[in-house]
Amino acid sequence: MAGYELTGERRLTRIKRKVQQFFGPWGVFFQGFLEHPVMVGSIIPSSRFTIRKMLAPVDWSRCKLFVEYGPGVGTFCRPVLDRLPRDGMLIVIDTNPLFIDYLKRTIGDSRFIAVHGSAEDVEEIIRAHGHEQADYVLSGLPFSTLPDGVGPRIAAATARAVRPGGAFLTYQFSKSARNLTAQHFDRVDDGFELLNILPCRLAWGWKAEGQKTEAA
């Protein structure tokens, strides 16, 4: 009986892989949404207009470590890697192993690291990879639907993880991420992208050069 169940699981895994190959990243993203709708927040990836506007304020010449929460199928990963210096690093963090497995299989850049874990642990994760702080942190996490307490803890951890002069970049359909960012960062710039499904609110929380890192 156990052998039969194992064979069935393997068959199901093969079917999922074939579906993913047929539909490409959109199929993987949609599957991730169906499995964890509270953590994904959208049924399709962000538009190229959102990506371009979201990354525009980044000073890439000073970026050695870029971190992303909830990378999905890598919609932002490739544009970030295209802009990132040769000695830079991109760390992406996601609680969904489906996305992490997909990214590890499809992105071969040596500057890229995919971590299966929680954004709440960003400080430990970046230290584990040889950095004290990140230059920029990007998040598309649906803060408005995260379990109670998770959003505030992520925002606080991010504030400690970002270096002075760096920023926390968020895009979401509600103001939740922006409001949390404002509690921890010196200045917040607001934006809006209509050419996205759905239209989304953008925010850049800047940590002043002289701003001290909050205690944990």
Protein backbone atom coordinates (compact mmCIF):
# COMPACT_ATOMS: atom_id res chain seq x y z
CA MET A 1 0.00 0.00 0.00
CA ALA A 2 2.83 2.40 0.90
CA GLY A 3 4.53 1.65 -2.41
CA TYR A 4 1.32 2.40 -4.28
CA GLU A 5 0.93 5.75 -2.48
CA LEU A 6 4.54 6.65 -3.25
CA THR A 7 4.02 5.81 -6.93
CA GLY A 8 0.92 7.99 -6.94
CA GLU A 9 2.83 10.91 -5.43
CA ARG A 10 5.56 10.56 -8.03
CA ARG A 11 2.99 10.48 -10.80
CA LEU A 12 1.36 13.63 -9.42
CA THR A 13 4.74 15.36 -9.22
CA ARG A 14 5.46 14.48 -12.86
CA ILE A 15 2.06 15.82 -13.92
CA LYS A 16 2.66 19.09 -12.05
CA ARG A 17 6.08 19.45 -13.71
CA LYS A 18 4.55 18.91 -17.16
CA VAL A 19 1.85 21.49 -16.46
CA GLN A 20 4.51 23.95 -15.30
CA GLN A 21 6.57 23.34 -18.44
CA PHE A 22 3.52 23.80 -20.67
CA PHE A 23 2.28 27.03 -19.10
CA GLY A 24 5.72 28.33 -18.10
CA PRO A 25 6.19 30.75 -15.20
CA TRP A 26 2.54 31.87 -15.32
CA GLY A 27 1.44 28.32 -14.59
CA VAL A 28 3.82 28.06 -11.64
CA PHE A 29 2.69 31.43 -10.31
CA PHE A 30 -0.98 30.49 -10.58
CA GLN A 31 -0.35 27.18 -8.83
CA GLY A 32 1.45 29.02 -6.03
CA PHE A 33 -1.52 31.38 -5.68
CA LEU A 34 -3.96 28.48 -5.45
CA GLU A 35 -1.87 26.76 -2.77
CA HIS A 36 -1.10 29.88 -0.70
CA PRO A 37 -3.46 32.73 -1.70
CA VAL A 38 -2.90 34.65 1.56
CA MET A 39 0.85 34.82 0.95
CA VAL A 40 0.84 35.53 -2.81
CA GLY A 41 -1.79 38.23 -3.09
CA SER A 42 -2.26 38.15 -6.89
CA ILE A 43 -3.04 35.56 -9.52
CA ILE A 44 -0.59 36.99 -12.10
CA PRO A 45 2.90 38.54 -11.89
CA SER A 46 3.55 42.30 -11.89
CA SER A 47 3.66 44.23 -15.17
CA ARG A 48 6.86 45.55 -16.75
CA PHE A 49 5.59 49.07 -15.98
CA THR A 50 5.44 48.30 -12.27
CA ILE A 51 8.92 46.76 -12.37
CA ARG A 52 10.45 49.74 -14.16
CA LYS A 53 8.85 52.32 -11.88
CA MET A 54 9.57 50.36 -8.70
CA LEU A 55 13.29 49.99 -9.45
CA ALA A 56 13.85 53.47 -10.91
CA PRO A 57 14.98 55.18 -7.63
CA VAL A 58 17.60 52.53 -6.83
CA ASP A 59 21.22 53.72 -6.89
CA TRP A 60 22.73 50.61 -8.44
CA SER A 61 26.29 51.93 -8.16
CA ARG A 62 25.97 51.62 -4.36
CA CYS A 63 24.06 48.35 -4.31
CA LYS A 64 25.99 45.33 -3.06
CA LEU A 65 23.04 43.45 -1.56
CA PHE A 66 19.48 43.54 -2.86
CA VAL A 67 16.85 41.46 -1.02
CA GLU A 68 13.39 40.52 -2.23
CA TYR A 69 10.49 39.10 -0.24
CA GLY A 70 8.01 36.90 -2.09
CA PRO A 71 9.80 36.65 -5.46
CA GLY A 72 7.22 34.29 -6.96
CA VAL A 73 8.51 33.10 -10.32
CA GLY A 74 11.22 35.77 -10.57
CA THR A 75 9.35 38.62 -12.24
CA PHE A 76 11.65 41.14 -10.52
CA CYS A 77 14.69 38.85 -10.22
CA ARG A 78 15.90 39.12 -13.78
CA PRO A 79 15.49 42.92 -14.04
CA VAL A 80 17.34 43.29 -10.72
CA LEU A 81 20.17 41.03 -11.87
CA ASP A 82 20.41 42.99 -15.14
CA ARG A 83 21.05 46.16 -13.12
CA LEU A 84 23.06 44.73 -10.22
CA PRO A 85 26.87 45.22 -10.21
CA ARG A 86 29.01 42.20 -11.00
CA ASP A 87 30.09 41.94 -7.36
CA GLY A 88 26.55 42.38 -6.01
CA MET A 89 24.20 39.78 -4.56
CA LEU A 90 20.46 39.19 -4.82
CA ILE A 91 18.83 37.19 -2.03
CA VAL A 92 15.19 36.24 -2.43
CA ILE A 93 13.11 34.85 0.44
CA ASP A 94 9.86 32.93 0.08
CA THR A 95 7.84 30.62 2.32
CA ASN A 96 6.57 28.68 -0.69
CA PRO A 97 8.95 25.85 -1.67
CA LEU A 98 7.29 25.67 -5.10
CA PHE A 99 8.65 29.10 -6.01
CA ILE A 100 12.07 28.51 -4.47
CA ASP A 101 12.49 25.24 -6.36
CA TYR A 102 11.43 26.90 -9.62
CA LEU A 103 13.84 29.81 -9.17
CA LYS A 104 16.77 27.55 -8.33
CA ARG A 105 16.08 25.57 -11.51
CA THR A 106 15.67 28.54 -13.83
CA ILE A 107 18.14 31.20 -12.61
CA GLY A 108 21.77 30.21 -12.91
CA ASP A 109 23.38 33.54 -12.03
CA SER A 110 26.12 33.14 -9.39
CA ARG A 111 24.96 36.37 -7.71
CA PHE A 112 21.52 34.87 -7.04
CA ILE A 113 20.52 33.07 -3.84
CA ALA A 114 17.02 31.70 -3.19
CA VAL A 115 16.09 31.01 0.44
CA HIS A 116 13.10 29.01 1.63
CA GLY A 117 12.17 30.91 4.76
CA SER A 118 10.34 33.86 6.28
CA ALA A 119 10.99 37.55 5.74
CA GLU A 120 10.77 37.90 9.52
CA ASP A 121 14.22 36.28 9.62
CA VAL A 122 15.82 38.61 7.08
CA GLU A 123 18.55 39.75 9.48
CA GLU A 124 19.75 36.22 10.16
CA ILE A 125 19.50 35.30 6.48
CA ILE A 126 21.64 38.18 5.22
CA ARG A 127 24.23 37.59 7.94
CA ALA A 128 24.38 33.93 6.96
CA HIS A 129 25.43 35.07 3.49
CA GLY A 130 28.18 37.39 4.63
CA HIS A 131 26.43 40.74 4.93
CA GLU A 132 25.55 42.95 7.88
CA GLN A 133 22.82 44.94 6.16
CA ALA A 134 21.05 45.19 2.82
CA ASP A 135 21.13 48.21 0.52
CA TYR A 136 17.58 47.70 -0.67
CA VAL A 137 14.72 45.38 0.23
CA LEU A 138 11.82 44.86 -2.16
CA SER A 139 8.49 43.36 -1.13
CA GLY A 140 5.34 42.41 -2.96
CA LEU A 141 3.94 40.57 0.05
CA PRO A 142 0.22 41.20 0.69
CA PHE A 143 0.65 42.83 4.12
CA SER A 144 -3.10 43.38 4.43
CA THR A 145 -3.81 39.63 4.44
CA LEU A 146 -0.82 38.30 6.38
CA PRO A 147 -1.55 36.57 9.73
CA ASP A 148 -1.85 38.91 12.71
CA GLY A 149 1.46 40.33 13.84
CA VAL A 150 3.49 39.04 10.89
CA GLY A 151 3.40 42.28 8.89
CA PRO A 152 4.59 44.51 11.76
CA ARG A 153 7.39 42.06 12.60
CA ILE A 154 8.55 41.99 8.98
CA ALA A 155 8.52 45.79 8.76
CA ALA A 156 10.51 46.14 12.00
CA ALA A 157 13.05 43.50 10.94
CA THR A 158 13.43 45.18 7.57
CA ALA A 159 14.10 48.55 9.18
CA ARG A 160 16.95 46.98 11.12
CA ALA A 161 18.23 45.11 8.06
CA VAL A 162 18.43 48.11 5.70
CA ARG A 163 21.57 50.26 5.85
CA PRO A 164 21.41 54.03 6.35
CA GLY A 165 20.84 55.55 2.92
CA GLY A 166 19.04 52.42 1.72
CA ALA A 167 15.35 51.81 1.20
CA PHE A 168 12.40 49.45 1.65
CA LEU A 169 10.47 49.19 -1.62
CA THR A 170 6.89 47.90 -1.54
CA TYR A 171 4.09 47.41 -4.05
CA GLN A 172 0.62 46.32 -2.99
CA PHE A 173 -3.04 46.93 -3.77
CA SER A 174 -3.74 48.47 -0.35
CA LYS A 175 -1.94 51.02 1.86
CA SER A 176 -0.98 48.44 4.51
CA ALA A 177 2.65 48.06 3.44
CA ARG A 178 3.07 51.82 3.04
CA ASN A 179 1.61 52.52 6.48
CA LEU A 180 3.90 49.99 8.17
CA THR A 181 6.89 51.39 6.31
CA ALA A 182 6.11 54.89 7.57
CA GLN A 183 6.39 53.68 11.15
CA HIS A 184 10.05 52.73 10.73
CA PHE A 185 11.61 54.80 7.94
CA ASP A 186 12.66 58.44 7.84
CA ARG A 187 10.85 59.30 4.61
CA VAL A 188 8.29 57.55 2.41
CA ASP A 189 7.77 58.42 -1.25
CA ASP A 190 4.49 57.31 -2.80
CA GLY A 191 3.64 56.14 -6.29
CA PHE A 192 0.89 54.43 -8.24
CA GLU A 193 0.95 52.18 -11.28
CA LEU A 194 -2.26 51.99 -13.29
CA LEU A 195 -0.82 49.63 -15.91
CA ASN A 196 -0.85 46.59 -13.67
CA ILE A 197 -3.45 43.93 -12.92
CA LEU A 198 -4.69 45.11 -10.50
CA PRO A 199 -3.43 48.74 -10.35
CA CYS A 200 -1.09 48.94 -7.36
CA ARG A 201 0.29 51.38 -4.82
CA LEU A 202 4.04 51.82 -4.72
CA ALA A 203 6.10 53.09 -1.79
CA TRP A 204 9.77 53.73 -1.16
CA GLY A 205 10.74 53.98 2.51
CA TRP A 206 14.12 55.70 2.84
CA LYS A 207 16.45 55.31 5.78
CA ALA A 208 18.31 58.58 6.36
CA GLU A 209 22.11 58.44 6.20
CA GLY A 210 22.31 59.33 9.89
CA GLN A 211 19.37 57.20 11.00
CA LYS A 212 20.31 54.67 13.65
CA THR A 213 19.39 51.01 13.32
CA GLU A 214 16.56 50.07 15.69
CA ALA A 215 17.28 47.58 18.44
CA ALA A 216 15.66 44.18 18.06
